[in-house]
Amino acid sequence: MGVKNWKNLVSWQMVGTDEISPPCVAIDVSNYMIRRMAVVPKHRSANKERVPLTHITLTLGVIRAALRRNILPVFVVDGPPESLKRAPQPDLVYKAVRLYRRFSDSEDPWDSSVALALSESPALRTYFAAEHIKDLCSAVGIPAIGAPSEAEMMCAVLCREGIVGTVASNDADALLFGSPHVSRRLELSKGQVERARLVDMEEATGLDLDQLRDLAILCGCDFHPGLKGVGPRKGVILLQRYGSLVPVLRARGVSVSERESFVRAREVFDEPSHISVSGIEVLIRSPVLPRVVRMLTPVMGRKKAEIRTSDIVRLWKDFGKEQTTMEQWT
């Protein structure tokens, strides 16, 4: 969802991909890839008798486009969600994993039981797609990371620590988690992205990161509905006057007991400071050719799968001539 009514606060600009430094992009699978699936024309995904595999076509397209630009994509998958955002669904996740294992074993895109189950639950399809994308990345040799909580939060930490150069996400929440650079549109084939930067947001509002997080709570976001009557413009003025969230709430007459929900929601934005990237390897590996062909065949047929696999091998070889590990980029 993102923060309410922040359209005019975030400055999105089209820039060249050479601005992405290091040349690596963290992709929030649930936010970026799954939302892209939602805009696929209905005639391409409406057959309830076929297992929906659009996510693989989209993921492969992003991987190929990124490697052509010598940019390494890193796919980040959600862990358990923030309880203030939505309730965990462990049973649904487990069911999605079972369905994916069944599909992976049979490699049958016309498995009616899998197709029907996924057609009846968008959430189940999302978890299924995430499992499938992780498996494809493993086969192709592209990094896929499981986040300890929100994938967007993990992406922001990777960017904050300089492991990636931007976060691919459809909204600006990653900025509030501390990412200095967020891209909501990747036009890698054209060598450009539409991005927003944290420094620009700070300069435009006169607020630092902590105050921007306070502003998100006041306006309303995924973790709190916000303070009635306060939008971005008024919120900026209040924070410039009172300095931080609690003094603003006090000045607006919010009782001590009522403030607790605001403060608890605000603490979510501090969680990235506790996430470690120690031990995380971000590098491209050799594709496992038979596995890639096998995974792509149910999506596009054997002949086209072999052609796509050959293309991936060529891109991997060309990419490897210049740089393959983060150590060489820093």
C-alpha atoms as a PDB file:
ATOM      1  CA  MET A   1       0.000   0.000   0.000  1.00  0.00           C
ATOM      2  CA  GLY A   2       2.724   2.463   0.974  1.00  0.00           C
ATOM      3  CA  VAL A   3       2.204   5.790   2.719  1.00  0.00           C
ATOM      4  CA  LYS A   4      -1.052   7.659   2.143  1.00  0.00           C
ATOM      5  CA  ASN A   5      -1.021  10.720  -0.136  1.00  0.00           C
ATOM      6  CA  TRP A   6       2.755  10.886  -0.599  1.00  0.00           C
ATOM      7  CA  LYS A   7       2.597  11.276  -4.354  1.00  0.00           C
ATOM      8  CA  ASN A   8       3.853  14.871  -4.280  1.00  0.00           C
ATOM      9  CA  LEU A   9       6.533  14.212  -1.670  1.00  0.00           C
ATOM     10  CA  VAL A  10       8.492  11.633  -3.676  1.00  0.00           C
ATOM     11  CA  SER A  11      10.342  12.859  -6.739  1.00  0.00           C
ATOM     12  CA  TRP A  12      10.545  10.073  -9.338  1.00  0.00           C
ATOM     13  CA  GLN A  13      12.949  10.643 -12.234  1.00  0.00           C
ATOM     14  CA  MET A  14      14.079   8.618 -15.237  1.00  0.00           C
ATOM     15  CA  VAL A  15      17.856   8.165 -15.162  1.00  0.00           C
ATOM     16  CA  GLY A  16      20.419   5.964 -16.868  1.00  0.00           C
ATOM     17  CA  THR A  17      21.313   2.588 -15.390  1.00  0.00           C
ATOM     18  CA  ASP A  18      24.877   3.830 -14.948  1.00  0.00           C
ATOM     19  CA  GLU A  19      23.586   5.567 -11.805  1.00  0.00           C
ATOM     20  CA  ILE A  20      23.106   2.132 -10.201  1.00  0.00           C
ATOM     21  CA  SER A  21      26.283   1.647  -8.191  1.00  0.00           C
ATOM     22  CA  PRO A  22      27.273  -1.019  -7.442  1.00  0.00           C
ATOM     23  CA  PRO A  23      25.645  -2.461 -10.594  1.00  0.00           C
ATOM     24  CA  CYS A  24      23.275  -4.682  -8.688  1.00  0.00           C
ATOM     25  CA  VAL A  25      19.519  -4.407  -8.046  1.00  0.00           C
ATOM     26  CA  ALA A  26      17.568  -5.945  -5.156  1.00  0.00           C
ATOM     27  CA  ILE A  27      14.116  -7.002  -6.329  1.00  0.00           C
ATOM     28  CA  ASP A  28      11.298  -7.326  -3.802  1.00  0.00           C
ATOM     29  CA  VAL A  29       9.539 -10.347  -5.293  1.00  0.00           C
ATOM     30  CA  SER A  30       6.134  -9.854  -3.680  1.00  0.00           C
ATOM     31  CA  ASN A  31       6.031  -6.105  -4.246  1.00  0.00           C
ATOM     32  CA  TYR A  32       7.603  -5.783  -7.681  1.00  0.00           C
ATOM     33  CA  MET A  33       7.276  -9.089  -9.513  1.00  0.00           C
ATOM     34  CA  ILE A  34       3.853 -10.140  -8.228  1.00  0.00           C
ATOM     35  CA  ARG A  35       2.356  -6.724  -8.925  1.00  0.00           C
ATOM     36  CA  ARG A  36       3.702  -6.941 -12.458  1.00  0.00           C
ATOM     37  CA  MET A  37       1.822 -10.223 -12.798  1.00  0.00           C
ATOM     38  CA  ALA A  38      -1.381  -8.409 -11.896  1.00  0.00           C
ATOM     39  CA  VAL A  39      -1.234  -6.254 -15.027  1.00  0.00           C
ATOM     40  CA  VAL A  40      -0.691  -9.135 -17.459  1.00  0.00           C
ATOM     41  CA  PRO A  41      -3.619  -9.186 -19.935  1.00  0.00           C
ATOM     42  CA  LYS A  42      -6.351 -11.493 -18.657  1.00  0.00           C
ATOM     43  CA  HIS A  43      -6.426 -13.622 -21.804  1.00  0.00           C
ATOM     44  CA  ARG A  44      -2.861 -14.698 -21.005  1.00  0.00           C
ATOM     45  CA  SER A  45      -3.604 -15.931 -17.490  1.00  0.00           C
ATOM     46  CA  ALA A  46      -7.324 -16.743 -17.359  1.00  0.00           C
ATOM     47  CA  ASN A  47      -7.180 -20.483 -18.132  1.00  0.00           C
ATOM     48  CA  LYS A  48      -8.070 -22.128 -14.823  1.00  0.00           C
ATOM     49  CA  GLU A  49      -7.147 -25.557 -16.176  1.00  0.00           C
ATOM     50  CA  ARG A  50      -3.494 -24.612 -16.603  1.00  0.00           C
ATOM     51  CA  VAL A  51      -0.991 -23.900 -13.835  1.00  0.00           C
ATOM     52  CA  PRO A  52      -0.289 -20.119 -13.957  1.00  0.00           C
ATOM     53  CA  LEU A  53       3.361 -19.617 -14.908  1.00  0.00           C
ATOM     54  CA  THR A  54       3.453 -15.954 -15.941  1.00  0.00           C
ATOM     55  CA  HIS A  55       5.808 -15.221 -13.041  1.00  0.00           C
ATOM     56  CA  ILE A  56       8.538 -17.321 -14.654  1.00  0.00           C
ATOM     57  CA  THR A  57       8.279 -15.498 -17.985  1.00  0.00           C
ATOM     58  CA  LEU A  58       8.488 -12.141 -16.197  1.00  0.00           C
ATOM     59  CA  THR A  59      11.364 -13.209 -13.946  1.00  0.00           C
ATOM     60  CA  LEU A  60      13.364 -14.598 -16.840  1.00  0.00           C
ATOM     61  CA  GLY A  61      12.785 -11.358 -18.755  1.00  0.00           C
ATOM     62  CA  VAL A  62      14.145  -9.282 -15.867  1.00  0.00           C
ATOM     63  CA  ILE A  63      17.178 -11.550 -15.474  1.00  0.00           C
ATOM     64  CA  ARG A  64      18.077 -11.431 -19.166  1.00  0.00           C
ATOM     65  CA  ALA A  65      17.569  -7.658 -19.442  1.00  0.00           C
ATOM     66  CA  ALA A  66      19.667  -7.015 -16.323  1.00  0.00           C
ATOM     67  CA  LEU A  67      22.560  -9.252 -17.386  1.00  0.00           C
ATOM     68  CA  ARG A  68      22.660  -7.558 -20.795  1.00  0.00           C
ATOM     69  CA  ARG A  69      23.362  -4.299 -18.923  1.00  0.00           C
ATOM     70  CA  ASN A  70      25.957  -5.988 -16.703  1.00  0.00           C
ATOM     71  CA  ILE A  71      23.621  -5.536 -13.744  1.00  0.00           C
ATOM     72  CA  LEU A  72      23.204  -8.393 -11.317  1.00  0.00           C
ATOM     73  CA  PRO A  73      19.610  -8.910 -10.104  1.00  0.00           C
ATOM     74  CA  VAL A  74      19.088 -10.173  -6.561  1.00  0.00           C
ATOM     75  CA  PHE A  75      15.614 -11.537  -5.822  1.00  0.00           C
ATOM     76  CA  VAL A  76      14.436 -11.147  -2.222  1.00  0.00           C
ATOM     77  CA  VAL A  77      11.482 -13.170  -0.935  1.00  0.00           C
ATOM     78  CA  ASP A  78       9.274 -12.303   2.048  1.00  0.00           C
ATOM     79  CA  GLY A  79       9.665 -13.993   5.405  1.00  0.00           C
ATOM     80  CA  PRO A  80       6.930 -13.771   8.058  1.00  0.00           C
ATOM     81  CA  PRO A  81       5.040 -10.458   7.646  1.00  0.00           C
ATOM     82  CA  GLU A  82       4.914  -7.652  10.168  1.00  0.00           C
ATOM     83  CA  SER A  83       1.977  -8.404  12.480  1.00  0.00           C
ATOM     84  CA  LEU A  84       0.807  -4.778  12.216  1.00  0.00           C
ATOM     85  CA  LYS A  85       0.545  -5.158   8.436  1.00  0.00           C
ATOM     86  CA  ARG A  86      -1.183  -8.526   8.120  1.00  0.00           C
ATOM     87  CA  ALA A  87      -1.504 -11.761  10.030  1.00  0.00           C
ATOM     88  CA  PRO A  88       0.991 -14.554   9.243  1.00  0.00           C
ATOM     89  CA  GLN A  89      -0.404 -17.357   7.088  1.00  0.00           C
ATOM     90  CA  PRO A  90       1.835 -20.367   7.815  1.00  0.00           C
ATOM     91  CA  ASP A  91      -0.797 -22.885   6.702  1.00  0.00           C
ATOM     92  CA  LEU A  92      -1.179 -21.150   3.352  1.00  0.00           C
ATOM     93  CA  VAL A  93       2.595 -20.956   2.887  1.00  0.00           C
ATOM     94  CA  TYR A  94       2.889 -24.665   3.675  1.00  0.00           C
ATOM     95  CA  LYS A  95       0.130 -25.485   1.192  1.00  0.00           C
ATOM     96  CA  ALA A  96       1.865 -23.405  -1.499  1.00  0.00           C
ATOM     97  CA  VAL A  97       5.140 -25.238  -0.895  1.00  0.00           C
ATOM     98  CA  ARG A  98       3.353 -28.613  -1.192  1.00  0.00           C
ATOM     99  CA  LEU A  99       1.658 -27.527  -4.420  1.00  0.00           C
ATOM    100  CA  TYR A 100       4.939 -26.305  -5.865  1.00  0.00           C
ATOM    101  CA  ARG A 101       6.697 -29.558  -4.972  1.00  0.00           C
ATOM    102  CA  ARG A 102       3.930 -31.505  -6.673  1.00  0.00           C
ATOM    103  CA  PHE A 103       4.218 -29.350  -9.791  1.00  0.00           C
ATOM    104  CA  SER A 104       8.027 -29.505  -9.719  1.00  0.00           C
ATOM    105  CA  ASP A 105       7.966 -33.306  -9.532  1.00  0.00           C
ATOM    106  CA  SER A 106       5.404 -33.753 -12.303  1.00  0.00           C
ATOM    107  CA  GLU A 107       6.428 -30.789 -14.496  1.00  0.00           C
ATOM    108  CA  ASP A 108       2.865 -30.901 -15.770  1.00  0.00           C
ATOM    109  CA  PRO A 109       1.417 -27.450 -16.549  1.00  0.00           C
ATOM    110  CA  TRP A 110      -2.001 -29.072 -16.978  1.00  0.00           C
ATOM    111  CA  ASP A 111      -2.178 -30.528 -13.470  1.00  0.00           C
ATOM    112  CA  SER A 112      -5.805 -29.639 -12.771  1.00  0.00           C
ATOM    113  CA  SER A 113      -5.624 -29.959  -8.987  1.00  0.00           C
ATOM    114  CA  VAL A 114      -2.715 -27.497  -8.751  1.00  0.00           C
ATOM    115  CA  ALA A 115      -4.248 -25.143 -11.298  1.00  0.00           C
ATOM    116  CA  LEU A 116      -7.627 -25.094  -9.560  1.00  0.00           C
ATOM    117  CA  ALA A 117      -6.162 -24.467  -6.111  1.00  0.00           C
ATOM    118  CA  LEU A 118      -4.079 -21.547  -7.380  1.00  0.00           C
ATOM    119  CA  SER A 119      -7.002 -20.041  -9.320  1.00  0.00           C
ATOM    120  CA  GLU A 120      -9.120 -19.902  -6.155  1.00  0.00           C
ATOM    121  CA  SER A 121      -6.598 -18.067  -3.957  1.00  0.00           C
ATOM    122  CA  PRO A 122      -4.477 -15.092  -5.105  1.00  0.00           C
ATOM    123  CA  ALA A 123      -2.451 -15.318  -1.881  1.00  0.00           C
ATOM    124  CA  LEU A 124      -1.713 -18.993  -2.496  1.00  0.00           C
ATOM    125  CA  ARG A 125      -0.622 -18.185  -6.034  1.00  0.00           C
ATOM    126  CA  THR A 126       1.706 -15.477  -4.677  1.00  0.00           C
ATOM    127  CA  TYR A 127       3.434 -17.934  -2.332  1.00  0.00           C
ATOM    128  CA  PHE A 128       3.595 -20.549  -5.104  1.00  0.00           C
ATOM    129  CA  ALA A 129       5.191 -18.024  -7.457  1.00  0.00           C
ATOM    130  CA  ALA A 130       7.751 -17.026  -4.832  1.00  0.00           C
ATOM    131  CA  GLU A 131       8.829 -20.662  -4.386  1.00  0.00           C
ATOM    132  CA  HIS A 132       9.053 -21.125  -8.153  1.00  0.00           C
ATOM    133  CA  ILE A 133      11.064 -17.921  -8.638  1.00  0.00           C
ATOM    134  CA  LYS A 134      13.548 -18.945  -5.932  1.00  0.00           C
ATOM    135  CA  ASP A 135      14.006 -22.305  -7.647  1.00  0.00           C
ATOM    136  CA  LEU A 136      14.505 -20.715 -11.064  1.00  0.00           C
ATOM    137  CA  CYS A 137      17.117 -18.317  -9.666  1.00  0.00           C
ATOM    138  CA  SER A 138      18.996 -21.249  -8.156  1.00  0.00           C
ATOM    139  CA  ALA A 139      19.032 -23.020 -11.531  1.00  0.00           C
ATOM    140  CA  VAL A 140      20.065 -19.930 -13.496  1.00  0.00           C
ATOM    141  CA  GLY A 141      22.757 -18.949 -10.977  1.00  0.00           C
ATOM    142  CA  ILE A 142      21.150 -15.715  -9.803  1.00  0.00           C
ATOM    143  CA  PRO A 143      21.080 -14.784  -6.088  1.00  0.00           C
ATOM    144  CA  ALA A 144      17.787 -15.314  -4.246  1.00  0.00           C
ATOM    145  CA  ILE A 145      17.571 -14.331  -0.598  1.00  0.00           C
ATOM    146  CA  GLY A 146      14.930 -15.194   1.966  1.00  0.00           C
ATOM    147  CA  ALA A 147      14.207 -12.174   4.165  1.00  0.00           C
ATOM    148  CA  PRO A 148      13.805 -12.537   7.941  1.00  0.00           C
ATOM    149  CA  SER A 149      10.631 -10.441   7.659  1.00  0.00           C
ATOM    150  CA  GLU A 150       9.445  -8.008   4.965  1.00  0.00           C
ATOM    151  CA  ALA A 151      11.406  -8.438   1.730  1.00  0.00           C
ATOM    152  CA  GLU A 152      11.293  -4.687   1.150  1.00  0.00           C
ATOM    153  CA  MET A 153      13.015  -4.163   4.485  1.00  0.00           C
ATOM    154  CA  MET A 154      15.774  -6.612   3.582  1.00  0.00           C
ATOM    155  CA  CYS A 155      16.209  -4.973   0.177  1.00  0.00           C
ATOM    156  CA  ALA A 156      16.613  -1.598   1.877  1.00  0.00           C
ATOM    157  CA  VAL A 157      19.322  -2.982   4.161  1.00  0.00           C
ATOM    158  CA  LEU A 158      21.207  -4.424   1.179  1.00  0.00           C
ATOM    159  CA  CYS A 159      21.141  -1.001  -0.482  1.00  0.00           C
ATOM    160  CA  ARG A 160      21.982   0.872   2.720  1.00  0.00           C
ATOM    161  CA  GLU A 161      25.043  -1.346   3.182  1.00  0.00           C
ATOM    162  CA  GLY A 162      26.187  -0.781  -0.409  1.00  0.00           C
ATOM    163  CA  ILE A 163      25.676  -4.392  -1.474  1.00  0.00           C
ATOM    164  CA  VAL A 164      23.202  -3.339  -4.174  1.00  0.00           C
ATOM    165  CA  GLY A 165      22.799  -0.017  -5.952  1.00  0.00           C
ATOM    166  CA  THR A 166      19.002   0.224  -5.953  1.00  0.00           C
ATOM    167  CA  VAL A 167      15.837  -1.480  -4.738  1.00  0.00           C
ATOM    168  CA  ALA A 168      13.153  -2.413  -7.270  1.00  0.00           C
ATOM    169  CA  SER A 169       9.800  -1.731  -5.617  1.00  0.00           C
ATOM    170  CA  ASN A 170       6.512  -0.205  -6.662  1.00  0.00           C
ATOM    171  CA  ASP A 171       6.356   2.350  -3.852  1.00  0.00           C
ATOM    172  CA  ALA A 172       8.709   4.452  -1.733  1.00  0.00           C
ATOM    173  CA  ASP A 173       8.469   2.450   1.498  1.00  0.00           C
ATOM    174  CA  ALA A 174      12.005   1.142   0.996  1.00  0.00           C
ATOM    175  CA  LEU A 175      13.243   4.737   1.395  1.00  0.00           C
ATOM    176  CA  LEU A 176      11.732   4.795   4.882  1.00  0.00           C
ATOM    177  CA  PHE A 177      13.507   1.539   5.686  1.00  0.00           C
ATOM    178  CA  GLY A 178      16.752   3.371   4.900  1.00  0.00           C
ATOM    179  CA  SER A 179      17.414   2.586   1.242  1.00  0.00           C
ATOM    180  CA  PRO A 180      19.145   5.556  -0.391  1.00  0.00           C
ATOM    181  CA  HIS A 181      17.879   4.598  -3.862  1.00  0.00           C
ATOM    182  CA  VAL A 182      14.586   3.013  -5.015  1.00  0.00           C
ATOM    183  CA  SER A 183      13.466   2.213  -8.575  1.00  0.00           C
ATOM    184  CA  ARG A 184       9.775   1.693  -9.252  1.00  0.00           C
ATOM    185  CA  ARG A 185      10.221   1.025 -12.961  1.00  0.00           C
ATOM    186  CA  LEU A 186      13.036  -0.906 -14.612  1.00  0.00           C
ATOM    187  CA  GLU A 187      13.429  -0.248 -18.328  1.00  0.00           C
ATOM    188  CA  LEU A 188      16.677  -2.139 -18.549  1.00  0.00           C
ATOM    189  CA  SER A 189      16.385  -2.805 -22.280  1.00  0.00           C
ATOM    190  CA  LYS A 190      16.482   0.991 -22.726  1.00  0.00           C
ATOM    191  CA  GLY A 191      19.221   1.438 -20.147  1.00  0.00           C
ATOM    192  CA  GLN A 192      17.092   3.456 -17.750  1.00  0.00           C
ATOM    193  CA  VAL A 193      15.145   3.265 -14.505  1.00  0.00           C
ATOM    194  CA  GLU A 194      12.614   5.506 -12.795  1.00  0.00           C
ATOM    195  CA  ARG A 195      14.016   6.179  -9.365  1.00  0.00           C
ATOM    196  CA  ALA A 196      13.656   8.195  -6.175  1.00  0.00           C
ATOM    197  CA  ARG A 197      16.439   9.033  -3.727  1.00  0.00           C
ATOM    198  CA  LEU A 198      16.279   9.467   0.034  1.00  0.00           C
ATOM    199  CA  VAL A 199      18.517  12.525  -0.063  1.00  0.00           C
ATOM    200  CA  ASP A 200      16.114  14.305  -2.428  1.00  0.00           C
ATOM    201  CA  MET A 201      13.187  13.553  -0.119  1.00  0.00           C
ATOM    202  CA  GLU A 202      15.076  14.878   2.887  1.00  0.00           C
ATOM    203  CA  GLU A 203      16.012  18.064   1.055  1.00  0.00           C
ATOM    204  CA  ALA A 204      12.465  18.622  -0.266  1.00  0.00           C
ATOM    205  CA  THR A 205      10.840  18.305   3.165  1.00  0.00           C
ATOM    206  CA  GLY A 206      13.590  19.611   5.433  1.00  0.00           C
ATOM    207  CA  LEU A 207      13.190  16.425   7.485  1.00  0.00           C
ATOM    208  CA  ASP A 208      15.750  13.746   8.289  1.00  0.00           C
ATOM    209  CA  LEU A 209      15.071  10.003   7.975  1.00  0.00           C
ATOM    210  CA  ASP A 210      13.742   9.632  11.518  1.00  0.00           C
ATOM    211  CA  GLN A 211      11.310  12.489  10.951  1.00  0.00           C
ATOM    212  CA  LEU A 212      10.216  11.062   7.594  1.00  0.00           C
ATOM    213  CA  ARG A 213       9.359   7.848   9.399  1.00  0.00           C
ATOM    214  CA  ASP A 214       7.376   9.900  11.930  1.00  0.00           C
ATOM    215  CA  LEU A 215       5.615  11.583   9.021  1.00  0.00           C
ATOM    216  CA  ALA A 216       4.632   8.204   7.541  1.00  0.00           C
ATOM    217  CA  ILE A 217       2.946   7.233  10.806  1.00  0.00           C
ATOM    218  CA  LEU A 218       1.121  10.568  11.034  1.00  0.00           C
ATOM    219  CA  CYS A 219      -0.120  10.330   7.433  1.00  0.00           C
ATOM    220  CA  GLY A 220      -1.019   6.647   7.610  1.00  0.00           C
ATOM    221  CA  CYS A 221       0.863   3.669   6.214  1.00  0.00           C
ATOM    222  CA  ASP A 222       0.872  -0.132   6.187  1.00  0.00           C
ATOM    223  CA  PHE A 223       1.429  -0.212   9.940  1.00  0.00           C
ATOM    224  CA  HIS A 224      -0.977   2.488  11.194  1.00  0.00           C
ATOM    225  CA  PRO A 225      -4.038   4.368   9.835  1.00  0.00           C
ATOM    226  CA  GLY A 226      -2.513   7.706  10.827  1.00  0.00           C
ATOM    227  CA  LEU A 227      -3.684  10.797  12.692  1.00  0.00           C
ATOM    228  CA  LYS A 228      -7.010  12.125  11.496  1.00  0.00           C
ATOM    229  CA  GLY A 229      -6.771  15.467   9.742  1.00  0.00           C
ATOM    230  CA  VAL A 230      -3.021  15.254   9.142  1.00  0.00           C
ATOM    231  CA  GLY A 231      -1.667  14.838   5.621  1.00  0.00           C
ATOM    232  CA  PRO A 232       1.856  15.234   4.258  1.00  0.00           C
ATOM    233  CA  ARG A 233       1.858  19.040   4.132  1.00  0.00           C
ATOM    234  CA  LYS A 234       0.494  19.556   7.640  1.00  0.00           C
ATOM    235  CA  GLY A 235       2.632  16.709   8.946  1.00  0.00           C
ATOM    236  CA  VAL A 236       5.835  18.319   7.659  1.00  0.00           C
ATOM    237  CA  ILE A 237       4.894  21.628   9.349  1.00  0.00           C
ATOM    238  CA  LEU A 238       4.110  19.870  12.646  1.00  0.00           C
ATOM    239  CA  LEU A 239       7.377  17.933  12.632  1.00  0.00           C
ATOM    240  CA  GLN A 240       9.381  21.047  11.800  1.00  0.00           C
ATOM    241  CA  ARG A 241       7.704  22.754  14.755  1.00  0.00           C
ATOM    242  CA  TYR A 242       7.743  19.955  17.352  1.00  0.00           C
ATOM    243  CA  GLY A 243      10.634  17.806  16.166  1.00  0.00           C
ATOM    244  CA  SER A 244       9.313  14.244  16.420  1.00  0.00           C
ATOM    245  CA  LEU A 245       6.256  12.012  16.613  1.00  0.00           C
ATOM    246  CA  VAL A 246       5.413  11.992  20.342  1.00  0.00           C
ATOM    247  CA  PRO A 247       5.583  15.789  20.813  1.00  0.00           C
ATOM    248  CA  VAL A 248       3.313  16.181  17.771  1.00  0.00           C
ATOM    249  CA  LEU A 249       0.806  13.707  19.207  1.00  0.00           C
ATOM    250  CA  ARG A 250       0.925  15.479  22.552  1.00  0.00           C
ATOM    251  CA  ALA A 251       0.346  18.852  20.901  1.00  0.00           C
ATOM    252  CA  ARG A 252      -2.609  17.437  18.958  1.00  0.00           C
ATOM    253  CA  GLY A 253      -4.226  16.217  22.156  1.00  0.00           C
ATOM    254  CA  VAL A 254      -3.655  12.489  21.683  1.00  0.00           C
ATOM    255  CA  SER A 255      -3.864  10.716  25.039  1.00  0.00           C
ATOM    256  CA  VAL A 256      -1.008   8.647  26.471  1.00  0.00           C
ATOM    257  CA  SER A 257      -2.893   5.381  25.924  1.00  0.00           C
ATOM    258  CA  GLU A 258      -3.744   6.330  22.333  1.00  0.00           C
ATOM    259  CA  ARG A 259      -0.117   7.175  21.603  1.00  0.00           C
ATOM    260  CA  GLU A 260       0.945   3.580  22.225  1.00  0.00           C
ATOM    261  CA  SER A 261      -0.315   2.329  18.854  1.00  0.00           C
ATOM    262  CA  PHE A 262       1.509   5.163  17.051  1.00  0.00           C
ATOM    263  CA  VAL A 263       4.764   4.451  18.877  1.00  0.00           C
ATOM    264  CA  ARG A 264       4.508   0.704  18.275  1.00  0.00           C
ATOM    265  CA  ALA A 265       3.944   1.255  14.551  1.00  0.00           C
ATOM    266  CA  ARG A 266       6.841   3.718  14.443  1.00  0.00           C
ATOM    267  CA  GLU A 267       9.178   1.089  15.916  1.00  0.00           C
ATOM    268  CA  VAL A 268       8.701  -1.079  12.817  1.00  0.00           C
ATOM    269  CA  PHE A 269      10.761   1.405  10.791  1.00  0.00           C
ATOM    270  CA  ASP A 270      13.667   0.942  13.215  1.00  0.00           C
ATOM    271  CA  GLU A 271      13.844  -2.813  12.616  1.00  0.00           C
ATOM    272  CA  PRO A 272      16.268  -2.579   9.646  1.00  0.00           C
ATOM    273  CA  SER A 273      18.967  -1.412  12.074  1.00  0.00           C
ATOM    274  CA  HIS A 274      18.845  -4.906  13.628  1.00  0.00           C
ATOM    275  CA  ILE A 275      19.157  -6.818  10.345  1.00  0.00           C
ATOM    276  CA  SER A 276      22.634  -8.139   9.564  1.00  0.00           C
ATOM    277  CA  VAL A 277      23.989  -8.839   6.091  1.00  0.00           C
ATOM    278  CA  SER A 278      26.877 -10.850   7.469  1.00  0.00           C
ATOM    279  CA  GLY A 279      27.440 -14.014   5.475  1.00  0.00           C
ATOM    280  CA  ILE A 280      25.257 -12.948   2.543  1.00  0.00           C
ATOM    281  CA  GLU A 281      26.926 -13.745  -0.761  1.00  0.00           C
ATOM    282  CA  VAL A 282      25.798 -11.788  -3.793  1.00  0.00           C
ATOM    283  CA  LEU A 283      27.387 -13.240  -6.908  1.00  0.00           C
ATOM    284  CA  ILE A 284      26.471 -14.839 -10.184  1.00  0.00           C
ATOM    285  CA  ARG A 285      27.056 -18.559 -10.555  1.00  0.00           C
ATOM    286  CA  SER A 286      27.196 -20.955 -13.461  1.00  0.00           C
ATOM    287  CA  PRO A 287      23.738 -21.950 -14.742  1.00  0.00           C
ATOM    288  CA  VAL A 288      22.789 -25.617 -14.337  1.00  0.00           C
ATOM    289  CA  LEU A 289      21.808 -26.247 -17.953  1.00  0.00           C
ATOM    290  CA  PRO A 290      19.680 -29.419 -17.721  1.00  0.00           C
ATOM    291  CA  ARG A 291      17.801 -27.980 -14.761  1.00  0.00           C
ATOM    292  CA  VAL A 292      17.109 -24.683 -16.523  1.00  0.00           C
ATOM    293  CA  VAL A 293      15.785 -26.473 -19.620  1.00  0.00           C
ATOM    294  CA  ARG A 294      13.630 -28.724 -17.464  1.00  0.00           C
ATOM    295  CA  MET A 295      12.147 -25.779 -15.547  1.00  0.00           C
ATOM    296  CA  LEU A 296      11.427 -23.703 -18.645  1.00  0.00           C
ATOM    297  CA  THR A 297       9.906 -26.510 -20.735  1.00  0.00           C
ATOM    298  CA  PRO A 298       6.480 -26.476 -18.989  1.00  0.00           C
ATOM    299  CA  VAL A 299       6.364 -22.708 -19.515  1.00  0.00           C
ATOM    300  CA  MET A 300       7.330 -22.416 -23.171  1.00  0.00           C
ATOM    301  CA  GLY A 301       7.964 -25.857 -24.649  1.00  0.00           C
ATOM    302  CA  ARG A 302      11.203 -27.797 -25.089  1.00  0.00           C
ATOM    303  CA  LYS A 303      12.590 -26.054 -28.184  1.00  0.00           C
ATOM    304  CA  LYS A 304      12.119 -22.528 -26.883  1.00  0.00           C
ATOM    305  CA  ALA A 305      13.403 -23.580 -23.447  1.00  0.00           C
ATOM    306  CA  GLU A 306      16.652 -24.768 -25.033  1.00  0.00           C
ATOM    307  CA  ILE A 307      17.007 -21.483 -26.940  1.00  0.00           C
ATOM    308  CA  ARG A 308      16.420 -19.425 -23.777  1.00  0.00           C
ATOM    309  CA  THR A 309      18.910 -21.559 -21.863  1.00  0.00           C
ATOM    310  CA  SER A 310      21.576 -21.004 -24.515  1.00  0.00           C
ATOM    311  CA  ASP A 311      20.919 -17.272 -24.267  1.00  0.00           C
ATOM    312  CA  ILE A 312      21.310 -17.374 -20.487  1.00  0.00           C
ATOM    313  CA  VAL A 313      24.640 -19.210 -20.820  1.00  0.00           C
ATOM    314  CA  ARG A 314      25.890 -16.594 -23.285  1.00  0.00           C
ATOM    315  CA  LEU A 315      24.842 -13.750 -20.980  1.00  0.00           C
ATOM    316  CA  TRP A 316      26.515 -15.454 -18.023  1.00  0.00           C
ATOM    317  CA  LYS A 317      29.764 -15.855 -19.954  1.00  0.00           C
ATOM    318  CA  ASP A 318      29.744 -12.245 -21.142  1.00  0.00           C
ATOM    319  CA  PHE A 319      28.892 -10.977 -17.678  1.00  0.00           C
ATOM    320  CA  GLY A 320      31.655 -13.043 -16.106  1.00  0.00           C
ATOM    321  CA  LYS A 321      34.326 -11.491 -18.310  1.00  0.00           C
ATOM    322  CA  GLU A 322      33.956  -8.193 -16.480  1.00  0.00           C
ATOM    323  CA  GLN A 323      32.780  -8.776 -12.910  1.00  0.00           C
ATOM    324  CA  THR A 324      31.197 -11.615 -11.027  1.00  0.00           C
ATOM    325  CA  THR A 325      31.444 -10.906  -7.320  1.00  0.00           C
ATOM    326  CA  MET A 326      30.707  -8.008  -5.008  1.00  0.00           C
ATOM    327  CA  GLU A 327      34.334  -7.994  -3.910  1.00  0.00           C
ATOM    328  CA  GLN A 328      35.321  -6.952  -7.428  1.00  0.00           C
ATOM    329  CA  TRP A 329      32.783  -4.129  -7.425  1.00  0.00           C
ATOM    330  CA  THR A 330      33.947  -2.537  -4.187  1.00  0.00           C
END
